Amino acid sequence: MHVHPAFDCDRLLTSAAMNFAAIECPSALRVLALTESANDDWFGSLSATAPAGAWRLEHLGPLTARFAHARLGALHVLAGHQIVCAEGVEVLTLGMGDKLSDGQPAREVIEAALAAAALPVLPWGFGKWIGARGRVVETLLDAFGPRLALGDNGGRLRWTKPADLLIRGRAAGHALLPGSDPLPWSGEEDTVARRGIWIDGEFAPESLTEDLHQALASGNRQREFGAGESTLRFCRNQLVMQWRKRVGS
């Protein structure tokens, strides 16, 4: 997920907890994986600007934070970043504290993430994996094998099938990790945790990234939850995005 400047963080955490509650069993460890872009540092600012309201910051480590709510339970947040690479594709580095600069070759970003024991993910985006960029994705999947995960997101039309590269990558052993990918305006907080994945395994808050690597490498059972956007909401979102680009906001 992203945490955009327009978001109310108390509302974000409450919405995420309620969305998780709609699909989960009580014993699950609920994790929100951050994908902060170049100008964002919500995780880094938590010690000074933790959400007010009913949520309390209980623990803040170098890679994880734990928030608690008297009625809604606990949520864990995993640090991570979104890097726009030289080839025009994006790479997510889940469980990585250091932020890599945009504009680097994708191969170097993935190698740096693996060296830091983070989980690199190639996230699909509407219209972003066609032509030359699609060939870049294919090359990276071949080069790194199952160490490189793939990402789908909740902005895809719910009645469409996943992109061919997602289907082929999953068949070749790459983990597919769908996420919320909320858009950058107020109200999109409500979409956080509407789309995600269950992974069976033993997970501890202090070793989330290591446990995630282990679970994916071991082939532990994974179940996606949630759906994409309705046609009406998808069209509305595209119109809003185009309008925001034109007015520069």
Foldseek 3Di string as FASTA:
>chain_A
DEDFPQEQVVLLVVLQLVLCVVDHDPVDAAEDWYAAEDPDDPLVCCVPCPHDDQKDFDDRDLFKTWIQGPPSGIYMYGYKHWEQELQRFIKIWTNDNDDDHHHHHPVVVLVVSVVRLTQIEGEDDVPRLDDPNVVVVVVVCVVPPQSYAYEYEQADAQPDDDDPVNVVSVVRLHHYWYFHPFDRHYPSSNSGNLKTKDFDDDADSVCHSVRVSVSSVVVTDMDIHHGHDHPVVSVVVVVVVVVCVVVVD
